[in-house]
Amino acid sequence: RRVANFIADRYFLNLIKKDVITIDG
């Protein structure tokens, strides 16, 4: 669980930073 959450955090935050997942507000 610790490893999966560590990887997932970085993976999805990167998608948000790259605007692949777009959150307007």
mmCIF file of all heavy atoms, coordinates in Angstrom:
data_MODEL
# 
_entry.id   MODEL 
# 
loop_
_atom_site.group_PDB 
_atom_site.id 
_atom_site.type_symbol 
_atom_site.label_atom_id 
_atom_site.label_alt_id 
_atom_site.label_comp_id 
_atom_site.label_asym_id 
_atom_site.label_entity_id 
_atom_site.label_seq_id 
_atom_site.pdbx_PDB_ins_code 
_atom_site.Cartn_x 
_atom_site.Cartn_y 
_atom_site.Cartn_z 
_atom_site.occupancy 
_atom_site.B_iso_or_equiv 
_atom_site.pdbx_formal_charge 
_atom_site.auth_seq_id 
_atom_site.auth_comp_id 
_atom_site.auth_asym_id 
_atom_site.auth_atom_id 
_atom_site.pdbx_PDB_model_num 
ATOM 1   N N   . ARG A 1 1  ? 0.841   -1.209 0.000   1.00 0.00 ? 1  ARG A N   1 
ATOM 2   C CA  . ARG A 1 1  ? 0.000   0.000  0.000   1.00 0.00 ? 1  ARG A CA  1 
ATOM 3   C C   . ARG A 1 1  ? 0.869   1.249  0.000   1.00 0.00 ? 1  ARG A C   1 
ATOM 4   O O   . ARG A 1 1  ? 0.601   2.205  -0.744  1.00 0.00 ? 1  ARG A O   1 
ATOM 5   C CB  . ARG A 1 1  ? -0.924  -0.003 1.220   1.00 0.00 ? 1  ARG A CB  1 
ATOM 6   C CG  . ARG A 1 1  ? -1.824  1.236  1.299   1.00 0.00 ? 1  ARG A CG  1 
ATOM 7   C CD  . ARG A 1 1  ? -2.778  1.155  2.471   1.00 0.00 ? 1  ARG A CD  1 
ATOM 8   N NE  . ARG A 1 1  ? -2.083  1.149  3.745   1.00 0.00 ? 1  ARG A NE  1 
ATOM 9   C CZ  . ARG A 1 1  ? -2.712  1.072  4.929   1.00 0.00 ? 1  ARG A CZ  1 
ATOM 10  N NH1 . ARG A 1 1  ? -4.022  0.950  4.983   1.00 0.00 ? 1  ARG A NH1 1 
ATOM 11  N NH2 . ARG A 1 1  ? -2.012  1.095  6.049   1.00 0.00 ? 1  ARG A NH2 1 
ATOM 12  N N   . ARG A 1 2  ? 1.908   1.259  0.817   1.00 0.00 ? 2  ARG A N   1 
ATOM 13  C CA  . ARG A 1 2  ? 2.794   2.422  0.883   1.00 0.00 ? 2  ARG A CA  1 
ATOM 14  C C   . ARG A 1 2  ? 3.484   2.666  -0.455  1.00 0.00 ? 2  ARG A C   1 
ATOM 15  O O   . ARG A 1 2  ? 3.536   3.798  -0.941  1.00 0.00 ? 2  ARG A O   1 
ATOM 16  C CB  . ARG A 1 2  ? 3.826   2.210  1.983   1.00 0.00 ? 2  ARG A CB  1 
ATOM 17  C CG  . ARG A 1 2  ? 4.749   3.403  2.195   1.00 0.00 ? 2  ARG A CG  1 
ATOM 18  C CD  . ARG A 1 2  ? 5.721   3.149  3.333   1.00 0.00 ? 2  ARG A CD  1 
ATOM 19  N NE  . ARG A 1 2  ? 5.035   2.921  4.594   1.00 0.00 ? 2  ARG A NE  1 
ATOM 20  C CZ  . ARG A 1 2  ? 5.650   2.616  5.724   1.00 0.00 ? 2  ARG A CZ  1 
ATOM 21  N NH1 . ARG A 1 2  ? 6.963   2.454  5.752   1.00 0.00 ? 2  ARG A NH1 1 
ATOM 22  N NH2 . ARG A 1 2  ? 4.958   2.442  6.836   1.00 0.00 ? 2  ARG A NH2 1 
ATOM 23  N N   . VAL A 1 3  ? 3.991   1.607  -1.065  1.00 0.00 ? 3  VAL A N   1 
ATOM 24  C CA  . VAL A 1 3  ? 4.674   1.729  -2.360  1.00 0.00 ? 3  VAL A CA  1 
ATOM 25  C C   . VAL A 1 3  ? 3.696   2.193  -3.434  1.00 0.00 ? 3  VAL A C   1 
ATOM 26  O O   . VAL A 1 3  ? 3.995   3.096  -4.229  1.00 0.00 ? 3  VAL A O   1 
ATOM 27  C CB  . VAL A 1 3  ? 5.323   0.389  -2.764  1.00 0.00 ? 3  VAL A CB  1 
ATOM 28  C CG1 . VAL A 1 3  ? 5.844   0.450  -4.193  1.00 0.00 ? 3  VAL A CG1 1 
ATOM 29  C CG2 . VAL A 1 3  ? 6.448   0.027  -1.802  1.00 0.00 ? 3  VAL A CG2 1 
ATOM 30  N N   . ALA A 1 4  ? 2.501   1.576  -3.477  1.00 0.00 ? 4  ALA A N   1 
ATOM 31  C CA  . ALA A 1 4  ? 1.512   1.919  -4.500  1.00 0.00 ? 4  ALA A CA  1 
ATOM 32  C C   . ALA A 1 4  ? 1.067   3.373  -4.390  1.00 0.00 ? 4  ALA A C   1 
ATOM 33  O O   . ALA A 1 4  ? 0.960   4.082  -5.398  1.00 0.00 ? 4  ALA A O   1 
ATOM 34  C CB  . ALA A 1 4  ? 0.302   0.986  -4.390  1.00 0.00 ? 4  ALA A CB  1 
ATOM 35  N N   . ASN A 1 5  ? 0.821   3.832  -3.174  1.00 0.00 ? 5  ASN A N   1 
ATOM 36  C CA  . ASN A 1 5  ? 0.394   5.224  -2.989  1.00 0.00 ? 5  ASN A CA  1 
ATOM 37  C C   . ASN A 1 5  ? 1.509   6.205  -3.356  1.00 0.00 ? 5  ASN A C   1 
ATOM 38  O O   . ASN A 1 5  ? 1.246   7.266  -3.919  1.00 0.00 ? 5  ASN A O   1 
ATOM 39  C CB  . ASN A 1 5  ? -0.055  5.449  -1.540  1.00 0.00 ? 5  ASN A CB  1 
ATOM 40  C CG  . ASN A 1 5  ? -1.441  4.891  -1.272  1.00 0.00 ? 5  ASN A CG  1 
ATOM 41  O OD1 . ASN A 1 5  ? -2.310  4.940  -2.134  1.00 0.00 ? 5  ASN A OD1 1 
ATOM 42  N ND2 . ASN A 1 5  ? -1.646  4.355  -0.080  1.00 0.00 ? 5  ASN A ND2 1 
ATOM 43  N N   . PHE A 1 6  ? 2.744   5.853  -3.044  1.00 0.00 ? 6  PHE A N   1 
ATOM 44  C CA  . PHE A 1 6  ? 3.887   6.705  -3.402  1.00 0.00 ? 6  PHE A CA  1 
ATOM 45  C C   . PHE A 1 6  ? 3.987   6.855  -4.920  1.00 0.00 ? 6  PHE A C   1 
ATOM 46  O O   . PHE A 1 6  ? 4.124   7.971  -5.440  1.00 0.00 ? 6  PHE A O   1 
ATOM 47  C CB  . PHE A 1 6  ? 5.175   6.093  -2.844  1.00 0.00 ? 6  PHE A CB  1 
ATOM 48  C CG  . PHE A 1 6  ? 6.422   6.869  -3.169  1.00 0.00 ? 6  PHE A CG  1 
ATOM 49  C CD1 . PHE A 1 6  ? 6.818   7.943  -2.378  1.00 0.00 ? 6  PHE A CD1 1 
ATOM 50  C CD2 . PHE A 1 6  ? 7.198   6.535  -4.272  1.00 0.00 ? 6  PHE A CD2 1 
ATOM 51  C CE1 . PHE A 1 6  ? 7.963   8.667  -2.689  1.00 0.00 ? 6  PHE A CE1 1 
ATOM 52  C CE2 . PHE A 1 6  ? 8.345   7.248  -4.590  1.00 0.00 ? 6  PHE A CE2 1 
ATOM 53  C CZ  . PHE A 1 6  ? 8.728   8.322  -3.787  1.00 0.00 ? 6  PHE A CZ  1 
ATOM 54  N N   . ILE A 1 7  ? 3.892   5.733  -5.629  1.00 0.00 ? 7  ILE A N   1 
ATOM 55  C CA  . ILE A 1 7  ? 3.992   5.782  -7.092  1.00 0.00 ? 7  ILE A CA  1 
ATOM 56  C C   . ILE A 1 7  ? 2.781   6.492  -7.700  1.00 0.00 ? 7  ILE A C   1 
ATOM 57  O O   . ILE A 1 7  ? 2.917   7.322  -8.602  1.00 0.00 ? 7  ILE A O   1 
ATOM 58  C CB  . ILE A 1 7  ? 4.122   4.358  -7.662  1.00 0.00 ? 7  ILE A CB  1 
ATOM 59  C CG1 . ILE A 1 7  ? 5.416   3.700  -7.179  1.00 0.00 ? 7  ILE A CG1 1 
ATOM 60  C CG2 . ILE A 1 7  ? 4.091   4.381  -9.185  1.00 0.00 ? 7  ILE A CG2 1 
ATOM 61  C CD1 . ILE A 1 7  ? 5.523   2.227  -7.537  1.00 0.00 ? 7  ILE A CD1 1 
ATOM 62  N N   . ALA A 1 8  ? 1.582   6.160  -7.201  1.00 0.00 ? 8  ALA A N   1 
ATOM 63  C CA  . ALA A 1 8  ? 0.357   6.751  -7.760  1.00 0.00 ? 8  ALA A CA  1 
ATOM 64  C C   . ALA A 1 8  ? 0.337   8.260  -7.593  1.00 0.00 ? 8  ALA A C   1 
ATOM 65  O O   . ALA A 1 8  ? -0.074  8.996  -8.497  1.00 0.00 ? 8  ALA A O   1 
ATOM 66  C CB  . ALA A 1 8  ? -0.872  6.127  -7.097  1.00 0.00 ? 8  ALA A CB  1 
ATOM 67  N N   . ASP A 1 9  ? 0.765   8.735  -6.422  1.00 0.00 ? 9  ASP A N   1 
ATOM 68  C CA  . ASP A 1 9  ? 0.813   10.177 -6.193  1.00 0.00 ? 9  ASP A CA  1 
ATOM 69  C C   . ASP A 1 9  ? 1.641   10.880 -7.257  1.00 0.00 ? 9  ASP A C   1 
ATOM 70  O O   . ASP A 1 9  ? 1.208   11.872 -7.855  1.00 0.00 ? 9  ASP A O   1 
ATOM 71  C CB  . ASP A 1 9  ? 1.420   10.477 -4.821  1.00 0.00 ? 9  ASP A CB  1 
ATOM 72  C CG  . ASP A 1 9  ? 0.349   10.745 -3.787  1.00 0.00 ? 9  ASP A CG  1 
ATOM 73  O OD1 . ASP A 1 9  ? -0.835  10.813 -4.148  1.00 0.00 ? 9  ASP A OD1 1 
ATOM 74  O OD2 . ASP A 1 9  ? 0.697   10.888 -2.606  1.00 0.00 ? 9  ASP A OD2 1 
ATOM 75  N N   . ARG A 1 10 ? 2.818   10.375 -7.497  1.00 0.00 ? 10 ARG A N   1 
ATOM 76  C CA  . ARG A 1 10 ? 3.709   11.014 -8.466  1.00 0.00 ? 10 ARG A CA  1 
ATOM 77  C C   . ARG A 1 10 ? 3.196   10.847 -9.893  1.00 0.00 ? 10 ARG A C   1 
ATOM 78  O O   . ARG A 1 10 ? 3.312   11.756 -10.709 1.00 0.00 ? 10 ARG A O   1 
ATOM 79  C CB  . ARG A 1 10 ? 5.126   10.439 -8.310  1.00 0.00 ? 10 ARG A CB  1 
ATOM 80  C CG  . ARG A 1 10 ? 5.846   11.117 -7.160  1.00 0.00 ? 10 ARG A CG  1 
ATOM 81  C CD  . ARG A 1 10 ? 6.738   10.195 -6.369  1.00 0.00 ? 10 ARG A CD  1 
ATOM 82  N NE  . ARG A 1 10 ? 7.228   10.905 -5.168  1.00 0.00 ? 10 ARG A NE  1 
ATOM 83  C CZ  . ARG A 1 10 ? 6.509   11.043 -4.066  1.00 0.00 ? 10 ARG A CZ  1 
ATOM 84  N NH1 . ARG A 1 10 ? 5.295   10.553 -3.993  1.00 0.00 ? 10 ARG A NH1 1 
ATOM 85  N NH2 . ARG A 1 10 ? 7.005   11.698 -3.025  1.00 0.00 ? 10 ARG A NH2 1 
ATOM 86  N N   . TYR A 1 11 ? 2.624   9.712  -10.177 1.00 0.00 ? 11 TYR A N   1 
ATOM 87  C CA  . TYR A 1 11 ? 2.100   9.442  -11.515 1.00 0.00 ? 11 TYR A CA  1 
ATOM 88  C C   . TYR A 1 11 ? 0.947   10.391 -11.852 1.00 0.00 ? 11 TYR A C   1 
ATOM 89  O O   . TYR A 1 11 ? 0.951   11.052 -12.898 1.00 0.00 ? 11 TYR A O   1 
ATOM 90  C CB  . TYR A 1 11 ? 1.637   7.992  -11.602 1.00 0.00 ? 11 TYR A CB  1 
ATOM 91  C CG  . TYR A 1 11 ? 1.047   7.611  -12.936 1.00 0.00 ? 11 TYR A CG  1 
ATOM 92  C CD1 . TYR A 1 11 ? 1.867   7.300  -14.015 1.00 0.00 ? 11 TYR A CD1 1 
ATOM 93  C CD2 . TYR A 1 11 ? -0.329  7.549  -13.104 1.00 0.00 ? 11 TYR A CD2 1 
ATOM 94  C CE1 . TYR A 1 11 ? 1.320   6.945  -15.234 1.00 0.00 ? 11 TYR A CE1 1 
ATOM 95  C CE2 . TYR A 1 11 ? -0.883  7.196  -14.328 1.00 0.00 ? 11 TYR A CE2 1 
ATOM 96  C CZ  . TYR A 1 11 ? -0.054  6.891  -15.389 1.00 0.00 ? 11 TYR A CZ  1 
ATOM 97  O OH  . TYR A 1 11 ? -0.592  6.544  -16.597 1.00 0.00 ? 11 TYR A OH  1 
ATOM 98  N N   . PHE A 1 12 ? -0.037  10.489 -10.964 1.00 0.00 ? 12 PHE A N   1 
ATOM 99  C CA  . PHE A 1 12 ? -1.219  11.297 -11.261 1.00 0.00 ? 12 PHE A CA  1 
ATOM 100 C C   . PHE A 1 12 ? -0.943  12.798 -11.119 1.00 0.00 ? 12 PHE A C   1 
ATOM 101 O O   . PHE A 1 12 ? -1.504  13.608 -11.860 1.00 0.00 ? 12 PHE A O   1 
ATOM 102 C CB  . PHE A 1 12 ? -2.389  10.863 -10.379 1.00 0.00 ? 12 PHE A CB  1 
ATOM 103 C CG  . PHE A 1 12 ? -2.985  9.554  -10.803 1.00 0.00 ? 12 PHE A CG  1 
ATOM 104 C CD1 . PHE A 1 12 ? -2.818  8.407  -10.041 1.00 0.00 ? 12 PHE A CD1 1 
ATOM 105 C CD2 . PHE A 1 12 ? -3.709  9.441  -11.974 1.00 0.00 ? 12 PHE A CD2 1 
ATOM 106 C CE1 . PHE A 1 12 ? -3.347  7.200  -10.430 1.00 0.00 ? 12 PHE A CE1 1 
ATOM 107 C CE2 . PHE A 1 12 ? -4.258  8.241  -12.385 1.00 0.00 ? 12 PHE A CE2 1 
ATOM 108 C CZ  . PHE A 1 12 ? -4.073  7.108  -11.608 1.00 0.00 ? 12 PHE A CZ  1 
ATOM 109 N N   . LEU A 1 13 ? -0.081  13.172 -10.175 1.00 0.00 ? 13 LEU A N   1 
ATOM 110 C CA  . LEU A 1 13 ? 0.295   14.586 -10.090 1.00 0.00 ? 13 LEU A CA  1 
ATOM 111 C C   . LEU A 1 13 ? 0.989   15.039 -11.364 1.00 0.00 ? 13 LEU A C   1 
ATOM 112 O O   . LEU A 1 13 ? 0.812   16.173 -11.821 1.00 0.00 ? 13 LEU A O   1 
ATOM 113 C CB  . LEU A 1 13 ? 1.188   14.824 -8.872  1.00 0.00 ? 13 LEU A CB  1 
ATOM 114 C CG  . LEU A 1 13 ? 0.486   14.860 -7.518  1.00 0.00 ? 13 LEU A CG  1 
ATOM 115 C CD1 . LEU A 1 13 ? 1.510   14.923 -6.382  1.00 0.00 ? 13 LEU A CD1 1 
ATOM 116 C CD2 . LEU A 1 13 ? -0.482  16.040 -7.424  1.00 0.00 ? 13 LEU A CD2 1 
ATOM 117 N N   . ASN A 1 14 ? 1.772   14.151 -11.954 1.00 0.00 ? 14 ASN A N   1 
ATOM 118 C CA  . ASN A 1 14 ? 2.434   14.467 -13.221 1.00 0.00 ? 14 ASN A CA  1 
ATOM 119 C C   . ASN A 1 14 ? 1.409   14.642 -14.340 1.00 0.00 ? 14 ASN A C   1 
ATOM 120 O O   . ASN A 1 14 ? 1.549   15.545 -15.188 1.00 0.00 ? 14 ASN A O   1 
ATOM 121 C CB  . ASN A 1 14 ? 3.425   13.362 -13.584 1.00 0.00 ? 14 ASN A CB  1 
ATOM 122 C CG  . ASN A 1 14 ? 4.274   13.716 -14.787 1.00 0.00 ? 14 ASN A CG  1 
ATOM 123 O OD1 . ASN A 1 14 ? 4.870   14.793 -14.857 1.00 0.00 ? 14 ASN A OD1 1 
ATOM 124 N ND2 . ASN A 1 14 ? 4.360   12.806 -15.744 1.00 0.00 ? 14 ASN A ND2 1 
ATOM 125 N N   . LEU A 1 15 ? 0.359   13.805 -14.349 1.00 0.00 ? 15 LEU A N   1 
ATOM 126 C CA  . LEU A 1 15 ? -0.692  13.947 -15.353 1.00 0.00 ? 15 LEU A CA  1 
ATOM 127 C C   . LEU A 1 15 ? -1.434  15.276 -15.190 1.00 0.00 ? 15 LEU A C   1 
ATOM 128 O O   . LEU A 1 15 ? -1.824  15.913 -16.175 1.00 0.00 ? 15 LEU A O   1 
ATOM 129 C CB  . LEU A 1 15 ? -1.687  12.789 -15.255 1.00 0.00 ? 15 LEU A CB  1 
ATOM 130 C CG  . LEU A 1 15 ? -1.177  11.400 -15.638 1.00 0.00 ? 15 LEU A CG  1 
ATOM 131 C CD1 . LEU A 1 15 ? -2.316  10.380 -15.542 1.00 0.00 ? 15 LEU A CD1 1 
ATOM 132 C CD2 . LEU A 1 15 ? -0.572  11.380 -17.038 1.00 0.00 ? 15 LEU A CD2 1 
ATOM 133 N N   . ILE A 1 16 ? -1.620  15.705 -13.933 1.00 0.00 ? 16 ILE A N   1 
ATOM 134 C CA  . ILE A 1 16 ? -2.276  16.992 -13.691 1.00 0.00 ? 16 ILE A CA  1 
ATOM 135 C C   . ILE A 1 16 ? -1.378  18.144 -14.128 1.00 0.00 ? 16 ILE A C   1 
ATOM 136 O O   . ILE A 1 16 ? -1.823  19.104 -14.771 1.00 0.00 ? 16 ILE A O   1 
ATOM 137 C CB  . ILE A 1 16 ? -2.668  17.113 -12.204 1.00 0.00 ? 16 ILE A CB  1 
ATOM 138 C CG1 . ILE A 1 16 ? -3.799  16.133 -11.876 1.00 0.00 ? 16 ILE A CG1 1 
ATOM 139 C CG2 . ILE A 1 16 ? -3.102  18.543 -11.868 1.00 0.00 ? 16 ILE A CG2 1 
ATOM 140 C CD1 . ILE A 1 16 ? -4.115  16.024 -10.400 1.00 0.00 ? 16 ILE A CD1 1 
ATOM 141 N N   . LYS A 1 17 ? -0.083  18.052 -13.803 1.00 0.00 ? 17 LYS A N   1 
ATOM 142 C CA  . LYS A 1 17 ? 0.858   19.110 -14.195 1.00 0.00 ? 17 LYS A CA  1 
ATOM 143 C C   . LYS A 1 17 ? 0.953   19.237 -15.711 1.00 0.00 ? 17 LYS A C   1 
ATOM 144 O O   . LYS A 1 17 ? 1.108   20.337 -16.255 1.00 0.00 ? 17 LYS A O   1 
ATOM 145 C CB  . LYS A 1 17 ? 2.235   18.821 -13.606 1.00 0.00 ? 17 LYS A CB  1 
ATOM 146 C CG  . LYS A 1 17 ? 2.330   19.042 -12.108 1.00 0.00 ? 17 LYS A CG  1 
ATOM 147 C CD  . LYS A 1 17 ? 3.709   18.680 -11.580 1.00 0.00 ? 17 LYS A CD  1 
ATOM 148 C CE  . LYS A 1 17 ? 3.799   18.865 -10.069 1.00 0.00 ? 17 LYS A CE  1 
ATOM 149 N NZ  . LYS A 1 17 ? 5.129   18.449 -9.545  1.00 0.00 ? 17 LYS A NZ  1 
ATOM 150 N N   . LYS A 1 18 ? 0.854   18.112 -16.410 1.00 0.00 ? 18 LYS A N   1 
ATOM 151 C CA  . LYS A 1 18 ? 0.938   18.117 -17.874 1.00 0.00 ? 18 LYS A CA  1 
ATOM 152 C C   . LYS A 1 18 ? -0.412  18.433 -18.526 1.00 0.00 ? 18 LYS A C   1 
ATOM 153 O O   . LYS A 1 18 ? -0.524  18.458 -19.738 1.00 0.00 ? 18 LYS A O   1 
ATOM 154 C CB  . LYS A 1 18 ? 1.440   16.763 -18.373 1.00 0.00 ? 18 LYS A CB  1 
ATOM 155 C CG  . LYS A 1 18 ? 2.903   16.497 -18.070 1.00 0.00 ? 18 LYS A CG  1 
ATOM 156 C CD  . LYS A 1 18 ? 3.332   15.164 -18.667 1.00 0.00 ? 18 LYS A CD  1 
ATOM 157 C CE  . LYS A 1 18 ? 4.823   14.931 -18.491 1.00 0.00 ? 18 LYS A CE  1 
ATOM 158 N NZ  . LYS A 1 18 ? 5.253   13.625 -19.074 1.00 0.00 ? 18 LYS A NZ  1 
ATOM 159 N N   . ASP A 1 19 ? -1.428  18.659 -17.712 1.00 0.00 ? 19 ASP A N   1 
ATOM 160 C CA  . ASP A 1 19 ? -2.770  18.977 -18.196 1.00 0.00 ? 19 ASP A CA  1 
ATOM 161 C C   . ASP A 1 19 ? -3.426  17.815 -18.934 1.00 0.00 ? 19 ASP A C   1 
ATOM 162 O O   . ASP A 1 19 ? -4.331  18.014 -19.747 1.00 0.00 ? 19 ASP A O   1 
ATOM 163 C CB  . ASP A 1 19 ? -2.751  20.219 -19.089 1.00 0.00 ? 19 ASP A CB  1 
ATOM 164 C CG  . ASP A 1 19 ? -3.914  21.166 -18.785 1.00 0.00 ? 19 ASP A CG  1 
ATOM 165 O OD1 . ASP A 1 19 ? -4.486  21.059 -17.690 1.00 0.00 ? 19 ASP A OD1 1 
ATOM 166 O OD2 . ASP A 1 19 ? -4.239  21.999 -19.653 1.00 0.00 ? 19 ASP A OD2 1 
ATOM 167 N N   . VAL A 1 20 ? -2.949  16.604 -18.662 1.00 0.00 ? 20 VAL A N   1 
ATOM 168 C CA  . VAL A 1 20 ? -3.621  15.420 -19.195 1.00 0.00 ? 20 VAL A CA  1 
ATOM 169 C C   . VAL A 1 20 ? -4.933  15.219 -18.439 1.00 0.00 ? 20 VAL A C   1 
ATOM 170 O O   . VAL A 1 20 ? -5.982  14.926 -19.025 1.00 0.00 ? 20 VAL A O   1 
ATOM 171 C CB  . VAL A 1 20 ? -2.730  14.173 -19.072 1.00 0.00 ? 20 VAL A CB  1 
ATOM 172 C CG1 . VAL A 1 20 ? -3.483  12.924 -19.534 1.00 0.00 ? 20 VAL A CG1 1 
ATOM 173 C CG2 . VAL A 1 20 ? -1.455  14.358 -19.883 1.00 0.00 ? 20 VAL A CG2 1 
ATOM 174 N N   . ILE A 1 21 ? -4.873  15.363 -17.118 1.00 0.00 ? 21 ILE A N   1 
ATOM 175 C CA  . ILE A 1 21 ? -6.077  15.464 -16.287 1.00 0.00 ? 21 ILE A CA  1 
ATOM 176 C C   . ILE A 1 21 ? -6.235  16.940 -15.949 1.00 0.00 ? 21 ILE A C   1 
ATOM 177 O O   . ILE A 1 21 ? -5.370  17.534 -15.302 1.00 0.00 ? 21 ILE A O   1 
ATOM 178 C CB  . ILE A 1 21 ? -5.940  14.633 -14.998 1.00 0.00 ? 21 ILE A CB  1 
ATOM 179 C CG1 . ILE A 1 21 ? -5.745  13.152 -15.315 1.00 0.00 ? 21 ILE A CG1 1 
ATOM 180 C CG2 . ILE A 1 21 ? -7.168  14.825 -14.116 1.00 0.00 ? 21 ILE A CG2 1 
ATOM 181 C CD1 . ILE A 1 21 ? -5.505  12.282 -14.088 1.00 0.00 ? 21 ILE A CD1 1 
ATOM 182 N N   . THR A 1 22 ? -7.327  17.533 -16.394 1.00 0.00 ? 22 THR A N   1 
ATOM 183 C CA  . THR A 1 22 ? -7.506  18.980 -16.263 1.00 0.00 ? 22 THR A CA  1 
ATOM 184 C C   . THR A 1 22 ? -8.567  19.297 -15.215 1.00 0.00 ? 22 THR A C   1 
ATOM 185 O O   . THR A 1 22 ? -9.719  18.868 -15.341 1.00 0.00 ? 22 THR A O   1 
ATOM 186 C CB  . THR A 1 22 ? -7.914  19.598 -17.606 1.00 0.00 ? 22 THR A CB  1 
ATOM 187 O OG1 . THR A 1 22 ? -6.928  19.267 -18.590 1.00 0.00 ? 22 THR A OG1 1 
ATOM 188 C CG2 . THR A 1 22 ? -8.015  21.109 -17.498 1.00 0.00 ? 22 THR A CG2 1 
ATOM 189 N N   . ILE A 1 23 ? -8.165  20.003 -14.168 1.00 0.00 ? 23 ILE A N   1 
ATOM 190 C CA  . ILE A 1 23 ? -9.091  20.447 -13.125 1.00 0.00 ? 23 ILE A CA  1 
ATOM 191 C C   . ILE A 1 23 ? -9.146  21.969 -13.157 1.00 0.00 ? 23 ILE A C   1 
ATOM 192 O O   . ILE A 1 23 ? -8.171  22.642 -12.836 1.00 0.00 ? 23 ILE A O   1 
ATOM 193 C CB  . ILE A 1 23 ? -8.635  19.953 -11.737 1.00 0.00 ? 23 ILE A CB  1 
ATOM 194 C CG1 . ILE A 1 23 ? -8.482  18.426 -11.735 1.00 0.00 ? 23 ILE A CG1 1 
ATOM 195 C CG2 . ILE A 1 23 ? -9.632  20.395 -10.657 1.00 0.00 ? 23 ILE A CG2 1 
ATOM 196 C CD1 . ILE A 1 23 ? -7.883  17.858 -10.461 1.00 0.00 ? 23 ILE A CD1 1 
ATOM 197 N N   . ASP A 1 24 ? -10.284 22.502 -13.565 1.00 0.00 ? 24 ASP A N   1 
ATOM 198 C CA  . ASP A 1 24 ? -10.419 23.955 -13.702 1.00 0.00 ? 24 ASP A CA  1 
ATOM 199 C C   . ASP A 1 24 ? -10.722 24.651 -12.387 1.00 0.00 ? 24 ASP A C   1 
ATOM 200 O O   . ASP A 1 24 ? -10.460 25.851 -12.246 1.00 0.00 ? 24 ASP A O   1 
ATOM 201 C CB  . ASP A 1 24 ? -11.518 24.282 -14.724 1.00 0.00 ? 24 ASP A CB  1 
ATOM 202 C CG  . ASP A 1 24 ? -11.040 24.098 -16.159 1.00 0.00 ? 24 ASP A CG  1 
ATOM 203 O OD1 . ASP A 1 24 ? -9.813  24.049 -16.373 1.00 0.00 ? 24 ASP A OD1 1 
ATOM 204 O OD2 . ASP A 1 24 ? -11.893 23.997 -17.066 1.00 0.00 ? 24 ASP A OD2 1 
ATOM 205 N N   . GLY A 1 25 ? -11.292 23.937 -11.431 1.00 0.00 ? 25 GLY A N   1 
ATOM 206 C CA  . GLY A 1 25 ? -11.611 24.589 -10.166 1.00 0.00 ? 25 GLY A CA  1 
ATOM 207 C C   . GLY A 1 25 ? -12.419 23.695 -9.249  1.00 0.00 ? 25 GLY A C   1 
ATOM 208 O O   . GLY A 1 25 ? -12.851 22.603 -9.622  1.00 0.00 ? 25 GLY A O   1 
# 
